[in-house]
PDB file of N, CA and C in Angstrom:
ATOM      1  N   UNK A   1      92.473  81.253 206.843  1.00  0.00           N
ATOM      2  CA  UNK A   1      92.826  80.819 208.300  1.00  0.00           C
ATOM      3  C   UNK A   1      91.196  81.235 209.444  1.00  0.00           C
ATOM      4  N   UNK A   2      91.712  82.589 209.126  1.00  0.00           N
ATOM      5  CA  UNK A   2      90.040  83.125 210.050  1.00  0.00           C
ATOM      6  C   UNK A   2      89.065  82.901 209.196  1.00  0.00           C
ATOM      7  N   UNK A   3      89.082  82.992 208.433  1.00  0.00           N
ATOM      8  CA  UNK A   3      87.617  82.229 208.159  1.00  0.00           C
ATOM      9  C   UNK A   3      87.240  80.445 208.465  1.00  0.00           C
ATOM     10  N   UNK A   4      88.335  79.966 208.907  1.00  0.00           N
ATOM     11  CA  UNK A   4      87.932  78.539 209.325  1.00  0.00           C
ATOM     12  C   UNK A   4      87.521  78.417 210.878  1.00  0.00           C
ATOM     13  N   UNK A   5      88.005  79.430 211.398  1.00  0.00           N
ATOM     14  CA  UNK A   5      87.984  79.457 213.900  1.00  0.00           C
ATOM     15  C   UNK A   5      86.768  80.366 213.262  1.00  0.00           C
ATOM     16  N   UNK A   6      86.611  80.552 212.268  1.00  0.00           N
ATOM     17  CA  UNK A   6      85.182  82.074 212.332  1.00  0.00           C
ATOM     18  C   UNK A   6      83.703  80.757 212.345  1.00  0.00           C
ATOM     19  N   UNK A   7      84.110  79.788 210.992  1.00  0.00           N
ATOM     20  CA  UNK A   7      83.033  78.231 211.042  1.00  0.00           C
ATOM     21  C   UNK A   7      83.319  77.893 212.054  1.00  0.00           C
ATOM     22  N   UNK A   8      83.829  77.891 212.119  1.00  0.00           N
ATOM     23  CA  UNK A   8      84.178  76.604 213.233  1.00  0.00           C
ATOM     24  C   UNK A   8      83.371  77.566 214.519  1.00  0.00           C
ATOM     25  N   UNK A   9      83.507  78.224 215.272  1.00  0.00           N
ATOM     26  CA  UNK A   9      82.851  79.478 215.784  1.00  0.00           C
ATOM     27  C   UNK A   9      81.235  79.375 215.714  1.00  0.00           C
ATOM     28  N   UNK A  10      80.942  79.938 214.900  1.00  0.00           N
ATOM     29  CA  UNK A  10      79.499  79.394 214.374  1.00  0.00           C
ATOM     30  C   UNK A  10      79.145  78.248 214.388  1.00  0.00           C
ATOM     31  N   UNK A  11      79.287  77.676 213.766  1.00  0.00           N
ATOM     32  CA  UNK A  11      78.118  75.842 214.711  1.00  0.00           C
ATOM     33  C   UNK A  11      78.771  75.549 216.438  1.00  0.00           C
ATOM     34  N   UNK A  12      80.047  75.686 216.903  1.00  0.00           N
ATOM     35  CA  UNK A  12      80.332  76.049 218.027  1.00  0.00           C
ATOM     36  C   UNK A  12      78.843  76.698 218.650  1.00  0.00           C
ATOM     37  N   UNK A  13      78.116  78.280 218.258  1.00  0.00           N
ATOM     38  CA  UNK A  13      77.146  78.455 218.704  1.00  0.00           C
ATOM     39  C   UNK A  13      76.304  77.976 218.157  1.00  0.00           C
ATOM     40  N   UNK A  14      75.796  77.157 216.777  1.00  0.00           N
ATOM     41  CA  UNK A  14      75.052  76.980 217.058  1.00  0.00           C
ATOM     42  C   UNK A  14      74.606  75.592 217.998  1.00  0.00           C
ATOM     43  N   UNK A  15      75.786  74.721 218.020  1.00  0.00           N
ATOM     44  CA  UNK A  15      75.031  73.934 218.520  1.00  0.00           C
ATOM     45  C   UNK A  15      74.902  74.465 220.266  1.00  0.00           C
ATOM     46  N   UNK A  16      75.286  75.792 221.217  1.00  0.00           N
ATOM     47  CA  UNK A  16      74.776  75.563 221.845  1.00  0.00           C
ATOM     48  C   UNK A  16      73.302  76.195 222.534  1.00  0.00           C
ATOM     49  N   UNK A  17      73.350  77.264 221.270  1.00  0.00           N
ATOM     50  CA  UNK A  17      72.832  78.334 221.102  1.00  0.00           C
ATOM     51  C   UNK A  17      71.052  77.285 221.474  1.00  0.00           C
ATOM     52  N   UNK A  18      70.667  76.002 220.347  1.00  0.00           N
ATOM     53  CA  UNK A  18      69.712  75.006 220.069  1.00  0.00           C
ATOM     54  C   UNK A  18      68.780  75.312 221.186  1.00  0.00           C
ATOM     55  N   UNK A  19      69.699  73.788 221.765  1.00  0.00           N
ATOM     56  CA  UNK A  19      68.946  73.302 222.883  1.00  0.00           C
ATOM     57  C   UNK A  19      67.902  74.773 224.041  1.00  0.00           C
ATOM     58  N   UNK A  20      69.159  75.902 223.700  1.00  0.00           N
ATOM     59  CA  UNK A  20      68.520  77.353 224.395  1.00  0.00           C
ATOM     60  C   UNK A  20      66.864  77.586 224.300  1.00  0.00           C
ATOM     61  N   UNK A  21      67.360  77.905 222.938  1.00  0.00           N
ATOM     62  CA  UNK A  21      66.092  78.531 222.030  1.00  0.00           C
ATOM     63  C   UNK A  21      64.963  76.431 222.130  1.00  0.00           C
ATOM     64  N   UNK A  22      64.929  75.790 221.977  1.00  0.00           N
ATOM     65  CA  UNK A  22      63.884  74.557 221.575  1.00  0.00           C
ATOM     66  C   UNK A  22      63.990  74.812 222.632  1.00  0.00           C
ATOM     67  N   UNK A  23      64.204  74.608 224.526  1.00  0.00           N
ATOM     68  CA  UNK A  23      63.527  74.635 225.835  1.00  0.00           C
ATOM     69  C   UNK A  23      62.897  76.184 226.635  1.00  0.00           C
ATOM     70  N   UNK A  24      63.139  76.710 225.538  1.00  0.00           N
ATOM     71  CA  UNK A  24      62.568  77.813 225.818  1.00  0.00           C
ATOM     72  C   UNK A  24      60.946  77.757 224.944  1.00  0.00           C
ATOM     73  N   UNK A  25      60.602  76.950 223.717  1.00  0.00           N
ATOM     74  CA  UNK A  25      59.440  77.002 223.014  1.00  0.00           C
ATOM     75  C   UNK A  25      57.941  76.702 224.596  1.00  0.00           C
ATOM     76  N   UNK A  26      57.090  77.140 223.946  1.00  0.00           N
ATOM     77  CA  UNK A  26      56.202  77.079 224.680  1.00  0.00           C
ATOM     78  C   UNK A  26      55.056  76.252 224.262  1.00  0.00           C
ATOM     79  N   UNK A  27      54.687  75.038 225.219  1.00  0.00           N
ATOM     80  CA  UNK A  27      54.302  74.069 224.903  1.00  0.00           C
ATOM     81  C   UNK A  27      52.755  73.518 225.444  1.00  0.00           C
ATOM     82  N   UNK A  28      52.032  72.367 224.191  1.00  0.00           N
ATOM     83  CA  UNK A  28      51.002  72.757 224.509  1.00  0.00           C
ATOM     84  C   UNK A  28      50.348  72.014 226.416  1.00  0.00           C
ATOM     85  N   UNK A  29      51.501  71.019 226.650  1.00  0.00           N
ATOM     86  CA  UNK A  29      51.235  70.480 227.843  1.00  0.00           C
ATOM     87  C   UNK A  29      51.686  72.173 229.395  1.00  0.00           C
ATOM     88  N   UNK A  30      51.922  73.265 229.297  1.00  0.00           N
ATOM     89  CA  UNK A  30      52.811  73.812 229.814  1.00  0.00           C
ATOM     90  C   UNK A  30      52.004  75.028 230.156  1.00  0.00           C
ATOM     91  N   UNK A  31      51.546  75.590 231.449  1.00  0.00           N
ATOM     92  CA  UNK A  31      50.720  76.566 231.477  1.00  0.00           C
ATOM     93  C   UNK A  31      51.706  78.298 231.904  1.00  0.00           C
ATOM     94  N   UNK A  32      50.901  79.028 231.205  1.00  0.00           N
ATOM     95  CA  UNK A  32      51.719  80.370 231.978  1.00  0.00           C
ATOM     96  C   UNK A  32      51.883  80.868 232.803  1.00  0.00           C
ATOM     97  N   UNK A  33      51.971  81.906 233.856  1.00  0.00           N
ATOM     98  CA  UNK A  33      52.071  82.380 234.625  1.00  0.00           C
ATOM     99  C   UNK A  33      50.690  83.235 235.603  1.00  0.00           C
ATOM    100  N   UNK A  34      49.674  83.140 234.105  1.00  0.00           N
ATOM    101  CA  UNK A  34      48.809  83.290 234.445  1.00  0.00           C
ATOM    102  C   UNK A  34      48.073  82.631 234.426  1.00  0.00           C
ATOM    103  N   UNK A  35      47.404  81.656 233.910  1.00  0.00           N
ATOM    104  CA  UNK A  35      46.980  80.392 233.410  1.00  0.00           C
ATOM    105  C   UNK A  35      46.605  79.934 234.857  1.00  0.00           C
ATOM    106  N   UNK A  36      47.888  79.777 235.332  1.00  0.00           N
ATOM    107  CA  UNK A  36      48.248  78.989 236.766  1.00  0.00           C
ATOM    108  C   UNK A  36      47.633  79.746 237.333  1.00  0.00           C
ATOM    109  N   UNK A  37      47.415  81.730 237.903  1.00  0.00           N
ATOM    110  CA  UNK A  37      46.545  82.277 238.617  1.00  0.00           C
ATOM    111  C   UNK A  37      45.231  81.141 238.585  1.00  0.00           C
ATOM    112  N   UNK A  38      44.768  81.592 236.922  1.00  0.00           N
ATOM    113  CA  UNK A  38      43.241  81.626 236.682  1.00  0.00           C
ATOM    114  C   UNK A  38      43.131  80.159 237.491  1.00  0.00           C
ATOM    115  N   UNK A  39      43.950  79.177 237.004  1.00  0.00           N
ATOM    116  CA  UNK A  39      43.153  77.422 238.060  1.00  0.00           C
ATOM    117  C   UNK A  39      42.751  78.296 239.335  1.00  0.00           C
ATOM    118  N   UNK A  40      44.788  78.484 240.028  1.00  0.00           N
ATOM    119  CA  UNK A  40      44.061  78.647 241.016  1.00  0.00           C
ATOM    120  C   UNK A  40      43.144  79.191 241.491  1.00  0.00           C
ATOM    121  N   UNK A  41      42.653  80.398 241.482  1.00  0.00           N
ATOM    122  CA  UNK A  41      41.887  81.505 241.386  1.00  0.00           C
ATOM    123  C   UNK A  41      40.255  80.336 241.155  1.00  0.00           C
ATOM    124  N   UNK A  42      40.262  79.654 240.006  1.00  0.00           N
ATOM    125  CA  UNK A  42      38.986  78.997 240.158  1.00  0.00           C
ATOM    126  C   UNK A  42      38.337  77.918 241.247  1.00  0.00           C
ATOM    127  N   UNK A  43      40.217  77.305 241.864  1.00  0.00           N
ATOM    128  CA  UNK A  43      40.030  76.303 242.335  1.00  0.00           C
ATOM    129  C   UNK A  43      39.109  77.319 243.936  1.00  0.00           C
ATOM    130  N   UNK A  44      39.982  78.296 243.871  1.00  0.00           N
ATOM    131  CA  UNK A  44      39.162  78.848 245.534  1.00  0.00           C
ATOM    132  C   UNK A  44      38.341  78.907 245.027  1.00  0.00           C
ATOM    133  N   UNK A  45      37.717  79.270 244.184  1.00  0.00           N
ATOM    134  CA  UNK A  45      35.845  79.761 243.980  1.00  0.00           C
ATOM    135  C   UNK A  45      35.317  77.837 244.112  1.00  0.00           C
ATOM    136  N   UNK A  46      35.526  76.899 243.351  1.00  0.00           N
ATOM    137  CA  UNK A  46      34.548  75.687 243.831  1.00  0.00           C
ATOM    138  C   UNK A  46      34.458  75.395 244.968  1.00  0.00           C
ATOM    139  N   UNK A  47      36.054  75.179 245.771  1.00  0.00           N
ATOM    140  CA  UNK A  47      36.095  75.366 247.085  1.00  0.00           C
ATOM    141  C   UNK A  47      35.788  75.808 248.237  1.00  0.00           C
ATOM    142  N   UNK A  48      35.245  77.297 248.029  1.00  0.00           N
ATOM    143  CA  UNK A  48      34.289  78.761 248.865  1.00  0.00           C
ATOM    144  C   UNK A  48      32.916  77.770 248.829  1.00  0.00           C
ATOM    145  N   UNK A  49      32.092  77.721 247.449  1.00  0.00           N
ATOM    146  CA  UNK A  49      30.917  77.246 246.878  1.00  0.00           C
ATOM    147  C   UNK A  49      30.812  76.060 248.034  1.00  0.00           C
ATOM    148  N   UNK A  50      31.595  75.726 247.872  1.00  0.00           N
ATOM    149  CA  UNK A  50      31.109  73.693 248.110  1.00  0.00           C
ATOM    150  C   UNK A  50      31.574  74.158 249.559  1.00  0.00           C
ATOM    151  N   UNK A  51      32.190  74.991 250.401  1.00  0.00           N
ATOM    152  CA  UNK A  51      32.550  75.217 252.266  1.00  0.00           C
ATOM    153  C   UNK A  51      30.218  75.734 252.562  1.00  0.00           C
ATOM    154  N   UNK A  52      30.097  76.539 250.847  1.00  0.00           N
ATOM    155  CA  UNK A  52      28.805  77.105 251.919  1.00  0.00           C
ATOM    156  C   UNK A  52      27.799  76.080 251.780  1.00  0.00           C
ATOM    157  N   UNK A  53      27.661  75.136 251.037  1.00  0.00           N
ATOM    158  CA  UNK A  53      26.314  74.822 251.018  1.00  0.00           C
ATOM    159  C   UNK A  53      26.966  73.475 251.880  1.00  0.00           C
ATOM    160  N   UNK A  54      24.940  73.664 252.333  1.00  0.00           N
ATOM    161  CA  UNK A  54      24.659  72.930 253.144  1.00  0.00           C
ATOM    162  C   UNK A  54      25.616  71.173 253.072  1.00  0.00           C
ATOM    163  N   UNK A  55      24.480  70.947 251.475  1.00  0.00           N
ATOM    164  CA  UNK A  55      24.403  69.767 251.023  1.00  0.00           C
ATOM    165  C   UNK A  55      26.158  68.516 251.045  1.00  0.00           C
ATOM    166  N   UNK A  56      27.163  69.707 250.872  1.00  0.00           N
ATOM    167  CA  UNK A  56      27.957  68.938 250.347  1.00  0.00           C
ATOM    168  C   UNK A  56      29.157  69.054 251.475  1.00  0.00           C
ATOM    169  N   UNK A  57      30.425  67.313 251.991  1.00  0.00           N
ATOM    170  CA  UNK A  57      30.815  67.537 252.675  1.00  0.00           C
ATOM    171  C   UNK A  57      31.885  68.404 251.849  1.00  0.00           C
ATOM    172  N   UNK A  58      32.584  69.222 252.206  1.00  0.00           N
ATOM    173  CA  UNK A  58      33.020  70.653 251.230  1.00  0.00           C
ATOM    174  C   UNK A  58      35.046  69.621 251.505  1.00  0.00           C
ATOM    175  N   UNK A  59      34.890  69.119 253.078  1.00  0.00           N
ATOM    176  CA  UNK A  59      36.462  68.489 253.111  1.00  0.00           C
ATOM    177  C   UNK A  59      36.655  67.578 252.510  1.00  0.00           C
ATOM    178  N   UNK A  60      36.138  66.609 252.049  1.00  0.00           N
ATOM    179  CA  UNK A  60      36.014  65.231 251.328  1.00  0.00           C
ATOM    180  C   UNK A  60      35.956  65.282 250.345  1.00  0.00           C
ATOM    181  N   UNK A  61      36.016  66.733 249.519  1.00  0.00           N
ATOM    182  CA  UNK A  61      36.002  66.881 248.095  1.00  0.00           C
ATOM    183  C   UNK A  61      37.519  67.741 248.365  1.00  0.00           C
ATOM    184  N   UNK A  62      37.897  67.204 246.634  1.00  0.00           N
ATOM    185  CA  UNK A  62      39.620  67.844 246.416  1.00  0.00           C
ATOM    186  C   UNK A  62      39.833  68.813 245.492  1.00  0.00           C
ATOM    187  N   UNK A  63      39.916  69.438 244.875  1.00  0.00           N
ATOM    188  CA  UNK A  63      39.520  70.417 242.825  1.00  0.00           C
ATOM    189  C   UNK A  63      40.724  70.512 243.307  1.00  0.00           C
ATOM    190  N   UNK A  64      40.991  70.788 241.994  1.00  0.00           N
ATOM    191  CA  UNK A  64      41.948  70.890 241.286  1.00  0.00           C
ATOM    192  C   UNK A  64      41.884  71.149 239.851  1.00  0.00           C
ATOM    193  N   UNK A  65      42.621  72.903 239.382  1.00  0.00           N
ATOM    194  CA  UNK A  65      42.515  72.383 238.193  1.00  0.00           C
ATOM    195  C   UNK A  65      43.278  72.425 237.186  1.00  0.00           C
ATOM    196  N   UNK A  66      43.866  72.911 235.618  1.00  0.00           N
ATOM    197  CA  UNK A  66      44.798  73.238 234.852  1.00  0.00           C
ATOM    198  C   UNK A  66      43.454  73.306 233.627  1.00  0.00           C
ATOM    199  N   UNK A  67      44.121  74.728 232.928  1.00  0.00           N
ATOM    200  CA  UNK A  67      43.597  75.244 232.390  1.00  0.00           C
ATOM    201  C   UNK A  67      42.179  75.228 231.786  1.00  0.00           C
ATOM    202  N   UNK A  68      41.826  75.949 233.228  1.00  0.00           N
ATOM    203  CA  UNK A  68      40.218  75.681 233.781  1.00  0.00           C
ATOM    204  C   UNK A  68      39.754  74.195 233.428  1.00  0.00           C
ATOM    205  N   UNK A  69      39.962  73.588 233.212  1.00  0.00           N
ATOM    206  CA  UNK A  69      38.516  72.184 234.018  1.00  0.00           C
ATOM    207  C   UNK A  69      39.182  71.472 234.611  1.00  0.00           C
ATOM    208  N   UNK A  70      38.268  71.783 235.617  1.00  0.00           N
ATOM    209  CA  UNK A  70      38.569  70.890 236.801  1.00  0.00           C
ATOM    210  C   UNK A  70      38.156  69.644 237.359  1.00  0.00           C
ATOM    211  N   UNK A  71      39.023  69.340 238.175  1.00  0.00           N
ATOM    212  CA  UNK A  71      38.918  67.445 238.313  1.00  0.00           C
ATOM    213  C   UNK A  71      38.385  67.289 239.942  1.00  0.00           C
ATOM    214  N   UNK A  72      37.257  66.000 239.871  1.00  0.00           N
ATOM    215  CA  UNK A  72      37.148  66.743 241.767  1.00  0.00           C
ATOM    216  C   UNK A  72      36.949  64.938 241.857  1.00  0.00           C
ATOM    217  N   UNK A  73      37.237  65.217 243.184  1.00  0.00           N
ATOM    218  CA  UNK A  73      37.753  63.037 243.615  1.00  0.00           C
ATOM    219  C   UNK A  73      37.815  63.038 244.868  1.00  0.00           C
ATOM    220  N   UNK A  74      38.262  62.692 245.412  1.00  0.00           N
ATOM    221  CA  UNK A  74      37.917  62.764 247.028  1.00  0.00           C
ATOM    222  C   UNK A  74      35.576  61.471 246.644  1.00  0.00           C
ATOM    223  N   UNK A  75      35.668  61.403 248.305  1.00  0.00           N
ATOM    224  CA  UNK A  75      34.581  60.509 249.514  1.00  0.00           C
ATOM    225  C   UNK A  75      33.731  61.194 249.512  1.00  0.00           C
ATOM    226  N   UNK A  76      31.960  61.037 249.020  1.00  0.00           N
ATOM    227  CA  UNK A  76      30.362  61.530 249.131  1.00  0.00           C
ATOM    228  C   UNK A  76      30.014  60.517 249.855  1.00  0.00           C
ATOM    229  N   UNK A  77      28.504  60.985 251.099  1.00  0.00           N
ATOM    230  CA  UNK A  77      27.668  59.797 251.186  1.00  0.00           C
ATOM    231  C   UNK A  77      26.476  59.496 250.948  1.00  0.00           C
ATOM    232  N   UNK A  78      26.717  60.437 249.520  1.00  0.00           N
ATOM    233  CA  UNK A  78      25.554  59.837 249.448  1.00  0.00           C
ATOM    234  C   UNK A  78      26.084  60.860 247.218  1.00  0.00           C
ATOM    235  N   UNK A  79      24.487  59.722 246.249  1.00  0.00           N
ATOM    236  CA  UNK A  79      24.736  59.999 244.762  1.00  0.00           C
ATOM    237  C   UNK A  79      24.249  61.850 244.780  1.00  0.00           C
ATOM    238  N   UNK A  80      23.619  62.259 245.703  1.00  0.00           N
ATOM    239  CA  UNK A  80      22.925  63.528 245.289  1.00  0.00           C
ATOM    240  C   UNK A  80      24.284  64.610 245.917  1.00  0.00           C
ATOM    241  N   UNK A  81      25.338  64.339 246.795  1.00  0.00           N
ATOM    242  CA  UNK A  81      26.013  65.179 246.711  1.00  0.00           C
ATOM    243  C   UNK A  81      27.134  64.989 246.154  1.00  0.00           C
ATOM    244  N   UNK A  82      27.532  64.305 245.198  1.00  0.00           N
ATOM    245  CA  UNK A  82      28.625  63.863 243.732  1.00  0.00           C
ATOM    246  C   UNK A  82      27.532  64.296 242.997  1.00  0.00           C
ATOM    247  N   UNK A  83      26.700  64.492 242.841  1.00  0.00           N
ATOM    248  CA  UNK A  83      25.994  65.295 241.870  1.00  0.00           C
ATOM    249  C   UNK A  83      25.904  66.761 242.165  1.00  0.00           C
ATOM    250  N   UNK A  84      25.442  67.529 243.599  1.00  0.00           N
ATOM    251  CA  UNK A  84      25.317  68.778 243.659  1.00  0.00           C
ATOM    252  C   UNK A  84      27.251  69.668 243.561  1.00  0.00           C
ATOM    253  N   UNK A  85      28.056  68.713 243.517  1.00  0.00           N
ATOM    254  CA  UNK A  85      29.389  69.397 243.838  1.00  0.00           C
ATOM    255  C   UNK A  85      29.379  69.088 241.788  1.00  0.00           C
ATOM    256  N   UNK A  86      29.680  68.523 241.470  1.00  0.00           N
ATOM    257  CA  UNK A  86      29.311  68.594 240.140  1.00  0.00           C
ATOM    258  C   UNK A  86      29.022  70.116 239.462  1.00  0.00           C
ATOM    259  N   UNK A  87      27.644  70.460 239.866  1.00  0.00           N
ATOM    260  CA  UNK A  87      27.065  71.478 239.451  1.00  0.00           C
ATOM    261  C   UNK A  87      27.701  72.929 239.865  1.00  0.00           C
ATOM    262  N   UNK A  88      28.406  72.556 241.520  1.00  0.00           N
ATOM    263  CA  UNK A  88      27.798  74.135 241.849  1.00  0.00           C
ATOM    264  C   UNK A  88      30.253  74.035 241.032  1.00  0.00           C
ATOM    265  N   UNK A  89      30.499  73.150 240.342  1.00  0.00           N
ATOM    266  CA  UNK A  89      31.975  73.508 239.931  1.00  0.00           C
ATOM    267  C   UNK A  89      31.650  73.377 238.775  1.00  0.00           C
ATOM    268  N   UNK A  90      31.048  73.245 237.625  1.00  0.00           N
ATOM    269  CA  UNK A  90      30.071  73.764 236.920  1.00  0.00           C
ATOM    270  C   UNK A  90      29.784  74.755 236.273  1.00  0.00           C
ATOM    271  N   UNK A  91      29.169  75.786 237.823  1.00  0.00           N
ATOM    272  CA  UNK A  91      28.465  77.007 237.669  1.00  0.00           C
ATOM    273  C   UNK A  91      29.455  77.807 237.975  1.00  0.00           C
ATOM    274  N   UNK A  92      30.322  77.733 238.072  1.00  0.00           N
ATOM    275  CA  UNK A  92      31.830  78.440 238.383  1.00  0.00           C
ATOM    276  C   UNK A  92      32.131  79.343 237.517  1.00  0.00           C
ATOM    277  N   UNK A  93      31.921  80.586 237.358  1.00  0.00           N
ATOM    278  CA  UNK A  93      32.899  80.991 236.531  1.00  0.00           C
ATOM    279  C   UNK A  93      34.087  80.978 236.202  1.00  0.00           C
ATOM    280  N   UNK A  94      34.655  80.420 234.993  1.00  0.00           N
ATOM    281  CA  UNK A  94      35.631  80.654 234.684  1.00  0.00           C
ATOM    282  C   UNK A  94      35.661  78.204 233.994  1.00  0.00           C
ATOM    283  N   UNK A  95      35.122  77.754 234.578  1.00  0.00           N
ATOM    284  CA  UNK A  95      35.249  75.794 234.928  1.00  0.00           C
ATOM    285  C   UNK A  95      34.751  76.113 233.061  1.00  0.00           C
ATOM    286  N   UNK A  96      35.748  75.527 232.389  1.00  0.00           N
ATOM    287  CA  UNK A  96      35.230  74.852 231.213  1.00  0.00           C
ATOM    288  C   UNK A  96      34.847  73.754 231.352  1.00  0.00           C
ATOM    289  N   UNK A  97      35.165  72.791 232.125  1.00  0.00           N
ATOM    290  CA  UNK A  97      34.317  71.342 232.059  1.00  0.00           C
ATOM    291  C   UNK A  97      35.291  70.774 232.924  1.00  0.00           C
ATOM    292  N   UNK A  98      34.256  69.863 233.572  1.00  0.00           N
ATOM    293  CA  UNK A  98      34.259  69.327 234.810  1.00  0.00           C
ATOM    294  C   UNK A  98      34.250  67.058 235.120  1.00  0.00           C
ATOM    295  N   UNK A  99      35.629  66.756 235.376  1.00  0.00           N
ATOM    296  CA  UNK A  99      35.707  66.012 235.850  1.00  0.00           C
ATOM    297  C   UNK A  99      35.448  65.240 237.032  1.00  0.00           C
ATOM    298  N   UNK A 100      34.009  64.200 237.151  1.00  0.00           N
ATOM    299  CA  UNK A 100      33.467  63.788 238.383  1.00  0.00           C
ATOM    300  C   UNK A 100      33.693  62.354 238.784  1.00  0.00           C
ATOM    301  N   UNK A 101      34.957  62.851 239.544  1.00  0.00           N
ATOM    302  CA  UNK A 101      35.648  61.832 240.260  1.00  0.00           C
ATOM    303  C   UNK A 101      35.589  61.279 241.610  1.00  0.00           C
ATOM    304  N   UNK A 102      34.293  62.601 242.094  1.00  0.00           N
ATOM    305  CA  UNK A 102      33.737  61.641 243.485  1.00  0.00           C
ATOM    306  C   UNK A 102      33.307  59.807 243.621  1.00  0.00           C
ATOM    307  N   UNK A 103      34.147  59.371 244.357  1.00  0.00           N
ATOM    308  CA  UNK A 103      33.626  58.225 244.462  1.00  0.00           C
ATOM    309  C   UNK A 103      32.241  58.104 246.232  1.00  0.00           C
ATOM    310  N   UNK A 104      30.911  58.001 246.063  1.00  0.00           N
ATOM    311  CA  UNK A 104      29.853  56.820 246.690  1.00  0.00           C
ATOM    312  C   UNK A 104      30.049  56.188 247.496  1.00  0.00           C
ATOM    313  N   UNK A 105      30.268  56.689 249.377  1.00  0.00           N
ATOM    314  CA  UNK A 105      31.040  55.968 250.726  1.00  0.00           C
ATOM    315  C   UNK A 105      29.878  55.068 249.751  1.00  0.00           C
ATOM    316  N   UNK A 106      30.744  53.408 250.435  1.00  0.00           N
ATOM    317  CA  UNK A 106      29.916  52.638 250.552  1.00  0.00           C
ATOM    318  C   UNK A 106      29.070  52.228 252.174  1.00  0.00           C
ATOM    319  N   UNK A 107      27.376  52.589 252.660  1.00  0.00           N
ATOM    320  CA  UNK A 107      27.053  53.213 253.340  1.00  0.00           C
ATOM    321  C   UNK A 107      26.599  51.117 254.357  1.00  0.00           C
TER     322      UNK A 107
END
C-alpha cells in the first residue's frame, strides 16, 4: 500500500511540476530584463539623435526596438527626411537592423 501511495504521489507531483517547469523555459519570443533595458536605451538614443537633427521632424517619428532591431514609423514631409531618419538609426550604437516604415506625406 505504501508503494502505491508513493507512486501516485510522484505522478501527481509530475503533473503539477511539468507545466511550471515548461512555463519557465526561455523562448525566442521573450526578452530578458537586460535585453529590455538595452532596447529601451537604443530607442532613447535614436530619439535623441532625431531630435538633435534639424532636418528631421522627430515628433512625427515613432521608434520601437526589439532585440536590437529598430522600427521607424510615422510620417515625414519628404523622402530626404525619411532617408535621414533611417541613416541616424543605422549609425546608432547597438542597432542590429532598421525597418523603415516611415510614410512621406502627400504634398
